[in-house]
PDB file of N, CA and C in Angstrom:
ATOM      1  N   MET A   1     178.440  63.047 141.234  1.00  0.00           N
ATOM      2  CA  MET A   1     178.173  63.995 141.993  1.00  0.00           C
ATOM      3  C   MET A   1     176.563  64.039 142.798  1.00  0.00           C
ATOM      4  N   VAL A   2     176.186  64.467 143.549  1.00  0.00           N
ATOM      5  CA  VAL A   2     174.713  64.294 144.149  1.00  0.00           C
ATOM      6  C   VAL A   2     173.976  65.742 144.155  1.00  0.00           C
ATOM      7  N   ILE A   3     172.854  65.944 143.767  1.00  0.00           N
ATOM      8  CA  ILE A   3     172.057  66.927 143.952  1.00  0.00           C
ATOM      9  C   ILE A   3     170.981  66.520 144.698  1.00  0.00           C
ATOM     10  N   ASN A   4     170.505  66.944 145.854  1.00  0.00           N
ATOM     11  CA  ASN A   4     169.437  66.634 146.787  1.00  0.00           C
ATOM     12  C   ASN A   4     168.416  67.870 146.333  1.00  0.00           C
ATOM     13  N   VAL A   5     167.032  66.805 146.455  1.00  0.00           N
ATOM     14  CA  VAL A   5     165.768  67.896 145.731  1.00  0.00           C
ATOM     15  C   VAL A   5     164.997  67.529 146.759  1.00  0.00           C
ATOM     16  N   ARG A   6     163.890  68.507 147.282  1.00  0.00           N
ATOM     17  CA  ARG A   6     163.160  68.666 148.500  1.00  0.00           C
ATOM     18  C   ARG A   6     161.837  68.882 147.717  1.00  0.00           C
ATOM     19  N   PHE A   7     160.980  68.260 147.769  1.00  0.00           N
ATOM     20  CA  PHE A   7     159.320  68.495 147.711  1.00  0.00           C
ATOM     21  C   PHE A   7     158.721  69.283 148.948  1.00  0.00           C
ATOM     22  N   ILE A   8     157.931  69.903 148.482  1.00  0.00           N
ATOM     23  CA  ILE A   8     157.285  71.050 149.513  1.00  0.00           C
ATOM     24  C   ILE A   8     155.664  70.871 148.956  1.00  0.00           C
ATOM     25  N   GLY A   9     154.913  70.798 150.073  1.00  0.00           N
ATOM     26  CA  GLY A   9     153.387  70.721 149.666  1.00  0.00           C
ATOM     27  C   GLY A   9     152.796  69.787 148.740  1.00  0.00           C
ATOM     28  N   ALA A  10     151.957  69.941 147.881  1.00  0.00           N
ATOM     29  CA  ALA A  10     151.245  69.040 147.114  1.00  0.00           C
ATOM     30  C   ALA A  10     152.212  67.973 146.580  1.00  0.00           C
ATOM     31  N   LEU A  11     153.163  68.329 145.926  1.00  0.00           N
ATOM     32  CA  LEU A  11     154.432  67.746 145.162  1.00  0.00           C
ATOM     33  C   LEU A  11     154.754  66.580 146.249  1.00  0.00           C
ATOM     34  N   ARG A  12     155.036  66.709 147.415  1.00  0.00           N
ATOM     35  CA  ARG A  12     155.026  65.849 148.388  1.00  0.00           C
ATOM     36  C   ARG A  12     154.656  64.869 148.370  1.00  0.00           C
ATOM     37  N   GLY A  13     153.203  65.176 148.115  1.00  0.00           N
ATOM     38  CA  GLY A  13     152.242  64.078 148.550  1.00  0.00           C
ATOM     39  C   GLY A  13     152.266  63.299 147.254  1.00  0.00           C
ATOM     40  N   MET A  14     152.169  63.926 146.068  1.00  0.00           N
ATOM     41  CA  MET A  14     151.800  63.472 144.677  1.00  0.00           C
ATOM     42  C   MET A  14     153.375  62.383 144.555  1.00  0.00           C
ATOM     43  N   SER A  15     154.660  62.779 145.103  1.00  0.00           N
ATOM     44  CA  SER A  15     155.566  61.931 144.575  1.00  0.00           C
ATOM     45  C   SER A  15     156.054  60.888 145.932  1.00  0.00           C
ATOM     46  N   GLY A  16     154.965  61.032 147.062  1.00  0.00           N
ATOM     47  CA  GLY A  16     155.204  59.913 147.825  1.00  0.00           C
ATOM     48  C   GLY A  16     156.297  60.171 148.571  1.00  0.00           C
ATOM     49  N   ARG A  17     157.340  60.845 148.176  1.00  0.00           N
ATOM     50  CA  ARG A  17     158.277  61.388 149.279  1.00  0.00           C
ATOM     51  C   ARG A  17     158.861  62.784 149.184  1.00  0.00           C
ATOM     52  N   SER A  18     159.683  62.787 150.950  1.00  0.00           N
ATOM     53  CA  SER A  18     160.178  64.575 150.547  1.00  0.00           C
ATOM     54  C   SER A  18     161.476  64.803 149.976  1.00  0.00           C
ATOM     55  N   LYS A  19     161.945  63.897 149.589  1.00  0.00           N
ATOM     56  CA  LYS A  19     163.568  64.261 149.182  1.00  0.00           C
ATOM     57  C   LYS A  19     163.977  63.201 148.044  1.00  0.00           C
ATOM     58  N   LEU A  20     164.319  63.539 147.296  1.00  0.00           N
ATOM     59  CA  LEU A  20     165.188  63.013 146.199  1.00  0.00           C
ATOM     60  C   LEU A  20     166.571  63.262 146.122  1.00  0.00           C
ATOM     61  N   CYS A  21     167.571  61.870 145.530  1.00  0.00           N
ATOM     62  CA  CYS A  21     169.183  62.422 145.456  1.00  0.00           C
ATOM     63  C   CYS A  21     168.740  62.009 143.890  1.00  0.00           C
ATOM     64  N   ILE A  22     169.634  62.878 143.520  1.00  0.00           N
ATOM     65  CA  ILE A  22     169.591  62.834 141.936  1.00  0.00           C
ATOM     66  C   ILE A  22     171.611  62.726 141.586  1.00  0.00           C
ATOM     67  N   ASN A  23     172.009  61.472 140.931  1.00  0.00           N
ATOM     68  CA  ASN A  23     173.388  61.750 140.703  1.00  0.00           C
ATOM     69  C   ASN A  23     173.485  61.921 139.213  1.00  0.00           C
ATOM     70  N   ALA A  24     174.614  63.017 138.966  1.00  0.00           N
ATOM     71  CA  ALA A  24     174.919  63.954 137.782  1.00  0.00           C
ATOM     72  C   ALA A  24     176.373  63.735 137.341  1.00  0.00           C
ATOM     73  N   ARG A  25     176.599  64.279 136.600  1.00  0.00           N
ATOM     74  CA  ARG A  25     178.020  64.851 136.167  1.00  0.00           C
ATOM     75  C   ARG A  25     178.496  65.866 137.139  1.00  0.00           C
ATOM     76  N   LYS A  26     179.697  66.072 136.696  1.00  0.00           N
ATOM     77  CA  LYS A  26     180.410  67.371 137.193  1.00  0.00           C
ATOM     78  C   LYS A  26     179.501  68.203 137.930  1.00  0.00           C
ATOM     79  N   THR A  27     179.296  69.005 136.730  1.00  0.00           N
ATOM     80  CA  THR A  27     178.266  70.333 137.214  1.00  0.00           C
ATOM     81  C   THR A  27     177.349  69.944 135.836  1.00  0.00           C
ATOM     82  N   THR A  28     176.011  70.202 136.202  1.00  0.00           N
ATOM     83  CA  THR A  28     174.445  70.074 135.275  1.00  0.00           C
ATOM     84  C   THR A  28     173.800  71.303 135.575  1.00  0.00           C
ATOM     85  N   PRO A  29     173.623  71.822 133.999  1.00  0.00           N
ATOM     86  CA  PRO A  29     172.397  72.784 134.494  1.00  0.00           C
ATOM     87  C   PRO A  29     171.202  72.278 135.049  1.00  0.00           C
ATOM     88  N   LEU A  30     170.317  73.506 135.817  1.00  0.00           N
ATOM     89  CA  LEU A  30     168.997  73.167 136.298  1.00  0.00           C
ATOM     90  C   LEU A  30     168.164  72.218 135.667  1.00  0.00           C
ATOM     91  N   ARG A  31     168.162  72.611 134.528  1.00  0.00           N
ATOM     92  CA  ARG A  31     167.014  72.420 133.278  1.00  0.00           C
ATOM     93  C   ARG A  31     167.307  70.542 133.399  1.00  0.00           C
ATOM     94  N   GLU A  32     168.584  70.092 133.320  1.00  0.00           N
ATOM     95  CA  GLU A  32     168.838  68.511 133.288  1.00  0.00           C
ATOM     96  C   GLU A  32     168.316  67.960 134.357  1.00  0.00           C
ATOM     97  N   ILE A  33     168.504  68.318 135.670  1.00  0.00           N
ATOM     98  CA  ILE A  33     168.060  68.082 136.670  1.00  0.00           C
ATOM     99  C   ILE A  33     166.473  68.026 136.763  1.00  0.00           C
ATOM    100  N   ILE A  34     165.944  68.691 136.423  1.00  0.00           N
ATOM    101  CA  ILE A  34     164.541  68.879 136.288  1.00  0.00           C
ATOM    102  C   ILE A  34     163.677  67.489 135.268  1.00  0.00           C
ATOM    103  N   LYS A  35     164.193  67.439 134.272  1.00  0.00           N
ATOM    104  CA  LYS A  35     164.428  66.491 133.461  1.00  0.00           C
ATOM    105  C   LYS A  35     164.570  65.100 133.966  1.00  0.00           C
ATOM    106  N   LYS A  36     165.610  64.968 134.428  1.00  0.00           N
ATOM    107  CA  LYS A  36     165.872  63.742 135.590  1.00  0.00           C
ATOM    108  C   LYS A  36     164.642  63.308 136.236  1.00  0.00           C
ATOM    109  N   ILE A  37     164.379  64.266 136.919  1.00  0.00           N
ATOM    110  CA  ILE A  37     163.181  64.317 138.451  1.00  0.00           C
ATOM    111  C   ILE A  37     161.850  63.713 137.429  1.00  0.00           C
ATOM    112  N   THR A  38     161.400  64.451 136.349  1.00  0.00           N
ATOM    113  CA  THR A  38     160.474  63.793 135.940  1.00  0.00           C
ATOM    114  C   THR A  38     160.173  62.582 135.396  1.00  0.00           C
ATOM    115  N   GLU A  39     161.689  62.401 134.938  1.00  0.00           N
ATOM    116  CA  GLU A  39     161.630  60.621 134.532  1.00  0.00           C
ATOM    117  C   GLU A  39     161.744  59.748 135.391  1.00  0.00           C
ATOM    118  N   GLU A  40     162.379  60.481 136.696  1.00  0.00           N
ATOM    119  CA  GLU A  40     162.130  59.231 137.891  1.00  0.00           C
ATOM    120  C   GLU A  40     160.773  59.490 138.848  1.00  0.00           C
ATOM    121  N   LEU A  41     160.368  60.347 138.480  1.00  0.00           N
ATOM    122  CA  LEU A  41     158.680  60.796 139.159  1.00  0.00           C
ATOM    123  C   LEU A  41     157.729  61.044 138.268  1.00  0.00           C
ATOM    124  N   PRO A  42     157.329  60.324 137.186  1.00  0.00           N
ATOM    125  CA  PRO A  42     156.735  60.782 136.530  1.00  0.00           C
ATOM    126  C   PRO A  42     155.210  61.046 136.655  1.00  0.00           C
ATOM    127  N   GLN A  43     155.037  60.608 137.886  1.00  0.00           N
ATOM    128  CA  GLN A  43     153.565  61.184 138.473  1.00  0.00           C
ATOM    129  C   GLN A  43     153.592  62.302 139.096  1.00  0.00           C
ATOM    130  N   ILE A  44     154.691  63.184 138.811  1.00  0.00           N
ATOM    131  CA  ILE A  44     154.596  64.567 139.389  1.00  0.00           C
ATOM    132  C   ILE A  44     154.921  65.399 138.207  1.00  0.00           C
ATOM    133  N   ALA A  45     155.228  65.138 136.868  1.00  0.00           N
ATOM    134  CA  ALA A  45     155.682  65.326 135.661  1.00  0.00           C
ATOM    135  C   ALA A  45     154.690  66.708 135.110  1.00  0.00           C
ATOM    136  N   ARG A  46     153.458  66.117 135.054  1.00  0.00           N
ATOM    137  CA  ARG A  46     152.582  67.187 134.709  1.00  0.00           C
ATOM    138  C   ARG A  46     152.269  68.308 135.705  1.00  0.00           C
ATOM    139  N   ALA A  47     152.539  68.075 137.118  1.00  0.00           N
ATOM    140  CA  ALA A  47     152.152  69.086 138.130  1.00  0.00           C
ATOM    141  C   ALA A  47     153.675  70.328 137.761  1.00  0.00           C
ATOM    142  N   VAL A  48     154.684  69.753 137.539  1.00  0.00           N
ATOM    143  CA  VAL A  48     155.727  70.298 137.825  1.00  0.00           C
ATOM    144  C   VAL A  48     155.872  71.367 136.423  1.00  0.00           C
ATOM    145  N   VAL A  49     155.887  70.553 135.322  1.00  0.00           N
ATOM    146  CA  VAL A  49     156.117  71.002 133.830  1.00  0.00           C
ATOM    147  C   VAL A  49     154.854  71.474 133.188  1.00  0.00           C
ATOM    148  N   ASP A  50     154.570  72.658 132.806  1.00  0.00           N
ATOM    149  CA  ASP A  50     153.924  73.066 132.070  1.00  0.00           C
ATOM    150  C   ASP A  50     153.932  72.240 130.539  1.00  0.00           C
ATOM    151  N   PRO A  51     152.776  71.694 130.333  1.00  0.00           N
ATOM    152  CA  PRO A  51     153.300  70.784 128.993  1.00  0.00           C
ATOM    153  C   PRO A  51     153.179  71.390 127.618  1.00  0.00           C
ATOM    154  N   GLU A  52     152.508  72.659 127.646  1.00  0.00           N
ATOM    155  CA  GLU A  52     152.470  73.524 126.402  1.00  0.00           C
ATOM    156  C   GLU A  52     154.248  74.297 126.504  1.00  0.00           C
ATOM    157  N   LEU A  53     154.402  74.699 127.205  1.00  0.00           N
ATOM    158  CA  LEU A  53     155.422  75.476 127.298  1.00  0.00           C
ATOM    159  C   LEU A  53     156.947  74.868 127.283  1.00  0.00           C
ATOM    160  N   GLU A  54     156.643  73.347 128.152  1.00  0.00           N
ATOM    161  CA  GLU A  54     157.474  72.391 128.743  1.00  0.00           C
ATOM    162  C   GLU A  54     158.584  73.373 129.245  1.00  0.00           C
ATOM    163  N   ASP A  55     158.092  73.690 130.340  1.00  0.00           N
ATOM    164  CA  ASP A  55     158.990  74.574 131.055  1.00  0.00           C
ATOM    165  C   ASP A  55     158.322  74.427 132.557  1.00  0.00           C
ATOM    166  N   PRO A  56     159.148  74.602 133.639  1.00  0.00           N
ATOM    167  CA  PRO A  56     158.941  74.389 135.003  1.00  0.00           C
ATOM    168  C   PRO A  56     158.219  75.207 135.761  1.00  0.00           C
ATOM    169  N   ARG A  57     158.801  76.778 135.255  1.00  0.00           N
ATOM    170  CA  ARG A  57     158.373  77.784 136.062  1.00  0.00           C
ATOM    171  C   ARG A  57     157.194  78.446 136.202  1.00  0.00           C
ATOM    172  N   PRO A  58     156.306  78.107 135.075  1.00  0.00           N
ATOM    173  CA  PRO A  58     154.756  78.817 135.476  1.00  0.00           C
ATOM    174  C   PRO A  58     153.981  77.744 136.793  1.00  0.00           C
ATOM    175  N   ASN A  59     154.352  76.721 136.934  1.00  0.00           N
ATOM    176  CA  ASN A  59     154.021  75.514 138.272  1.00  0.00           C
ATOM    177  C   ASN A  59     154.633  75.423 139.102  1.00  0.00           C
ATOM    178  N   THR A  60     155.943  75.884 139.068  1.00  0.00           N
ATOM    179  CA  THR A  60     156.765  75.422 140.206  1.00  0.00           C
ATOM    180  C   THR A  60     157.874  76.413 140.560  1.00  0.00           C
ATOM    181  N   LEU A  61     157.382  77.087 141.937  1.00  0.00           N
ATOM    182  CA  LEU A  61     158.712  77.779 142.362  1.00  0.00           C
ATOM    183  C   LEU A  61     160.002  77.065 142.391  1.00  0.00           C
ATOM    184  N   ILE A  62     161.140  77.618 142.047  1.00  0.00           N
ATOM    185  CA  ILE A  62     162.187  76.803 142.086  1.00  0.00           C
ATOM    186  C   ILE A  62     163.183  77.403 142.806  1.00  0.00           C
ATOM    187  N   LEU A  63     163.470  76.419 144.216  1.00  0.00           N
ATOM    188  CA  LEU A  63     165.116  77.276 145.050  1.00  0.00           C
ATOM    189  C   LEU A  63     166.107  76.356 144.767  1.00  0.00           C
ATOM    190  N   VAL A  64     167.207  76.809 144.524  1.00  0.00           N
ATOM    191  CA  VAL A  64     168.677  76.306 144.598  1.00  0.00           C
ATOM    192  C   VAL A  64     169.309  76.959 145.848  1.00  0.00           C
ATOM    193  N   ASN A  65     169.605  76.347 146.727  1.00  0.00           N
ATOM    194  CA  ASN A  65     170.780  76.416 147.778  1.00  0.00           C
ATOM    195  C   ASN A  65     169.889  77.532 148.419  1.00  0.00           C
ATOM    196  N   GLY A  66     168.622  77.930 148.334  1.00  0.00           N
ATOM    197  CA  GLY A  66     167.777  78.613 149.146  1.00  0.00           C
ATOM    198  C   GLY A  66     167.316  79.978 148.216  1.00  0.00           C
ATOM    199  N   LYS A  67     167.597  80.581 147.290  1.00  0.00           N
ATOM    200  CA  LYS A  67     167.743  81.275 146.450  1.00  0.00           C
ATOM    201  C   LYS A  67     166.873  81.172 144.988  1.00  0.00           C
ATOM    202  N   GLU A  68     165.381  81.563 145.054  1.00  0.00           N
ATOM    203  CA  GLU A  68     164.620  81.404 143.715  1.00  0.00           C
ATOM    204  C   GLU A  68     165.675  81.650 142.347  1.00  0.00           C
ATOM    205  N   ILE A  69     165.070  81.128 141.531  1.00  0.00           N
ATOM    206  CA  ILE A  69     166.266  80.621 140.386  1.00  0.00           C
ATOM    207  C   ILE A  69     166.328  82.277 139.496  1.00  0.00           C
ATOM    208  N   SER A  70     165.160  83.065 139.541  1.00  0.00           N
ATOM    209  CA  SER A  70     165.162  83.963 138.790  1.00  0.00           C
ATOM    210  C   SER A  70     166.199  84.876 138.989  1.00  0.00           C
ATOM    211  N   VAL A  71     166.871  84.878 140.267  1.00  0.00           N
ATOM    212  CA  VAL A  71     168.162  85.848 140.661  1.00  0.00           C
ATOM    213  C   VAL A  71     169.270  85.001 140.411  1.00  0.00           C
ATOM    214  N   LEU A  72     169.581  83.857 139.818  1.00  0.00           N
ATOM    215  CA  LEU A  72     170.271  83.082 139.529  1.00  0.00           C
ATOM    216  C   LEU A  72     170.481  83.034 137.785  1.00  0.00           C
ATOM    217  N   ASP A  73     170.728  82.046 137.314  1.00  0.00           N
ATOM    218  CA  ASP A  73     170.460  82.242 135.926  1.00  0.00           C
ATOM    219  C   ASP A  73     169.626  81.266 135.318  1.00  0.00           C
ATOM    220  N   GLY A  74     168.263  81.310 135.978  1.00  0.00           N
ATOM    221  CA  GLY A  74     167.252  80.587 135.807  1.00  0.00           C
ATOM    222  C   GLY A  74     167.604  78.792 135.582  1.00  0.00           C
ATOM    223  N   LEU A  75     166.801  78.440 134.417  1.00  0.00           N
ATOM    224  CA  LEU A  75     167.123  76.556 134.161  1.00  0.00           C
ATOM    225  C   LEU A  75     168.375  76.411 133.645  1.00  0.00           C
ATOM    226  N   GLU A  76     169.141  77.580 133.595  1.00  0.00           N
ATOM    227  CA  GLU A  76     170.543  77.442 133.249  1.00  0.00           C
ATOM    228  C   GLU A  76     171.610  77.214 134.041  1.00  0.00           C
ATOM    229  N   THR A  77     171.100  77.625 135.561  1.00  0.00           N
ATOM    230  CA  THR A  77     171.732  77.329 136.494  1.00  0.00           C
ATOM    231  C   THR A  77     172.651  76.104 136.772  1.00  0.00           C
ATOM    232  N   MET A  78     173.870  76.466 137.094  1.00  0.00           N
ATOM    233  CA  MET A  78     174.688  74.977 137.152  1.00  0.00           C
ATOM    234  C   MET A  78     174.546  74.762 138.484  1.00  0.00           C
ATOM    235  N   LEU A  79     174.423  73.569 138.504  1.00  0.00           N
ATOM    236  CA  LEU A  79     174.816  72.637 139.938  1.00  0.00           C
ATOM    237  C   LEU A  79     175.772  72.005 140.023  1.00  0.00           C
ATOM    238  N   LYS A  80     176.000  72.156 141.046  1.00  0.00           N
ATOM    239  CA  LYS A  80     177.701  71.211 141.370  1.00  0.00           C
ATOM    240  C   LYS A  80     177.075  70.249 142.779  1.00  0.00           C
ATOM    241  N   ASP A  81     178.135  69.126 143.135  1.00  0.00           N
ATOM    242  CA  ASP A  81     178.003  68.237 144.222  1.00  0.00           C
ATOM    243  C   ASP A  81     177.574  69.078 145.501  1.00  0.00           C
ATOM    244  N   GLY A  82     176.333  68.336 145.860  1.00  0.00           N
ATOM    245  CA  GLY A  82     175.618  68.566 147.488  1.00  0.00           C
ATOM    246  C   GLY A  82     174.960  70.146 147.254  1.00  0.00           C
ATOM    247  N   ASP A  83     174.366  70.596 145.876  1.00  0.00           N
ATOM    248  CA  ASP A  83     173.711  71.811 145.972  1.00  0.00           C
ATOM    249  C   ASP A  83     172.039  71.173 146.345  1.00  0.00           C
ATOM    250  N   GLU A  84     171.124  71.836 146.759  1.00  0.00           N
ATOM    251  CA  GLU A  84     169.814  71.546 146.893  1.00  0.00           C
ATOM    252  C   GLU A  84     168.960  72.284 146.148  1.00  0.00           C
ATOM    253  N   VAL A  85     167.873  71.500 145.635  1.00  0.00           N
ATOM    254  CA  VAL A  85     166.889  72.367 144.660  1.00  0.00           C
ATOM    255  C   VAL A  85     165.567  71.704 145.560  1.00  0.00           C
ATOM    256  N   VAL A  86     164.861  72.997 145.907  1.00  0.00           N
ATOM    257  CA  VAL A  86     163.488  72.756 146.402  1.00  0.00           C
ATOM    258  C   VAL A  86     162.492  72.927 145.459  1.00  0.00           C
ATOM    259  N   LEU A  87     161.325  72.151 145.342  1.00  0.00           N
ATOM    260  CA  LEU A  87     160.278  72.185 144.068  1.00  0.00           C
ATOM    261  C   LEU A  87     159.013  72.760 145.205  1.00  0.00           C
ATOM    262  N   VAL A  88     158.760  74.165 144.928  1.00  0.00           N
ATOM    263  CA  VAL A  88     157.378  74.449 145.534  1.00  0.00           C
ATOM    264  C   VAL A  88     156.190  74.412 144.487  1.00  0.00           C
ATOM    265  N   PRO A  89     155.126  74.251 145.051  1.00  0.00           N
ATOM    266  CA  PRO A  89     153.899  74.167 144.023  1.00  0.00           C
ATOM    267  C   PRO A  89     153.436  75.503 143.985  1.00  0.00           C
ATOM    268  N   VAL A  90     152.861  76.143 142.859  1.00  0.00           N
ATOM    269  CA  VAL A  90     152.439  77.159 142.680  1.00  0.00           C
ATOM    270  C   VAL A  90     150.702  77.016 142.781  1.00  0.00           C
ATOM    271  N   ILE A  91     150.270  77.788 143.522  1.00  0.00           N
ATOM    272  CA  ILE A  91     148.893  77.709 143.499  1.00  0.00           C
ATOM    273  C   ILE A  91     148.277  78.287 142.781  1.00  0.00           C
ATOM    274  N   HIS A  92     147.205  77.934 141.518  1.00  0.00           N
ATOM    275  CA  HIS A  92     146.304  78.509 140.649  1.00  0.00           C
ATOM    276  C   HIS A  92     145.092  78.580 141.305  1.00  0.00           C
ATOM    277  N   GLY A  93     144.340  79.900 141.114  1.00  0.00           N
ATOM    278  CA  GLY A  93     143.051  79.710 141.294  1.00  0.00           C
ATOM    279  C   GLY A  93     142.224  80.579 140.350  1.00  0.00           C
ATOM    280  N   GLY A  94     141.053  80.568 140.534  1.00  0.00           N
ATOM    281  CA  GLY A  94     140.182  81.174 139.316  1.00  0.00           C
ATOM    282  C   GLY A  94     138.943  81.142 139.812  1.00  0.00           C
TER     283      GLY A  94
END
């Protein structure tokens, strides 16, 4: 199965691409897809995943098929063939 991943904003520039296709088994939790993305594109790993928490949510807004993952099952959202994951960087200021 194929999961389609889109990068928005600064993540597009860091990754050098706007899209990525991830091959996975039948149904896969979002957590595993995030891991595969950062393995394939290590240059965005620090921008996507908070190194202390080992969690992408503080740094990245994640949408699955247009829905924010907090209204789904978070990182345990099960993905199936053809699903789209969109990663949007969260801007921190201070």
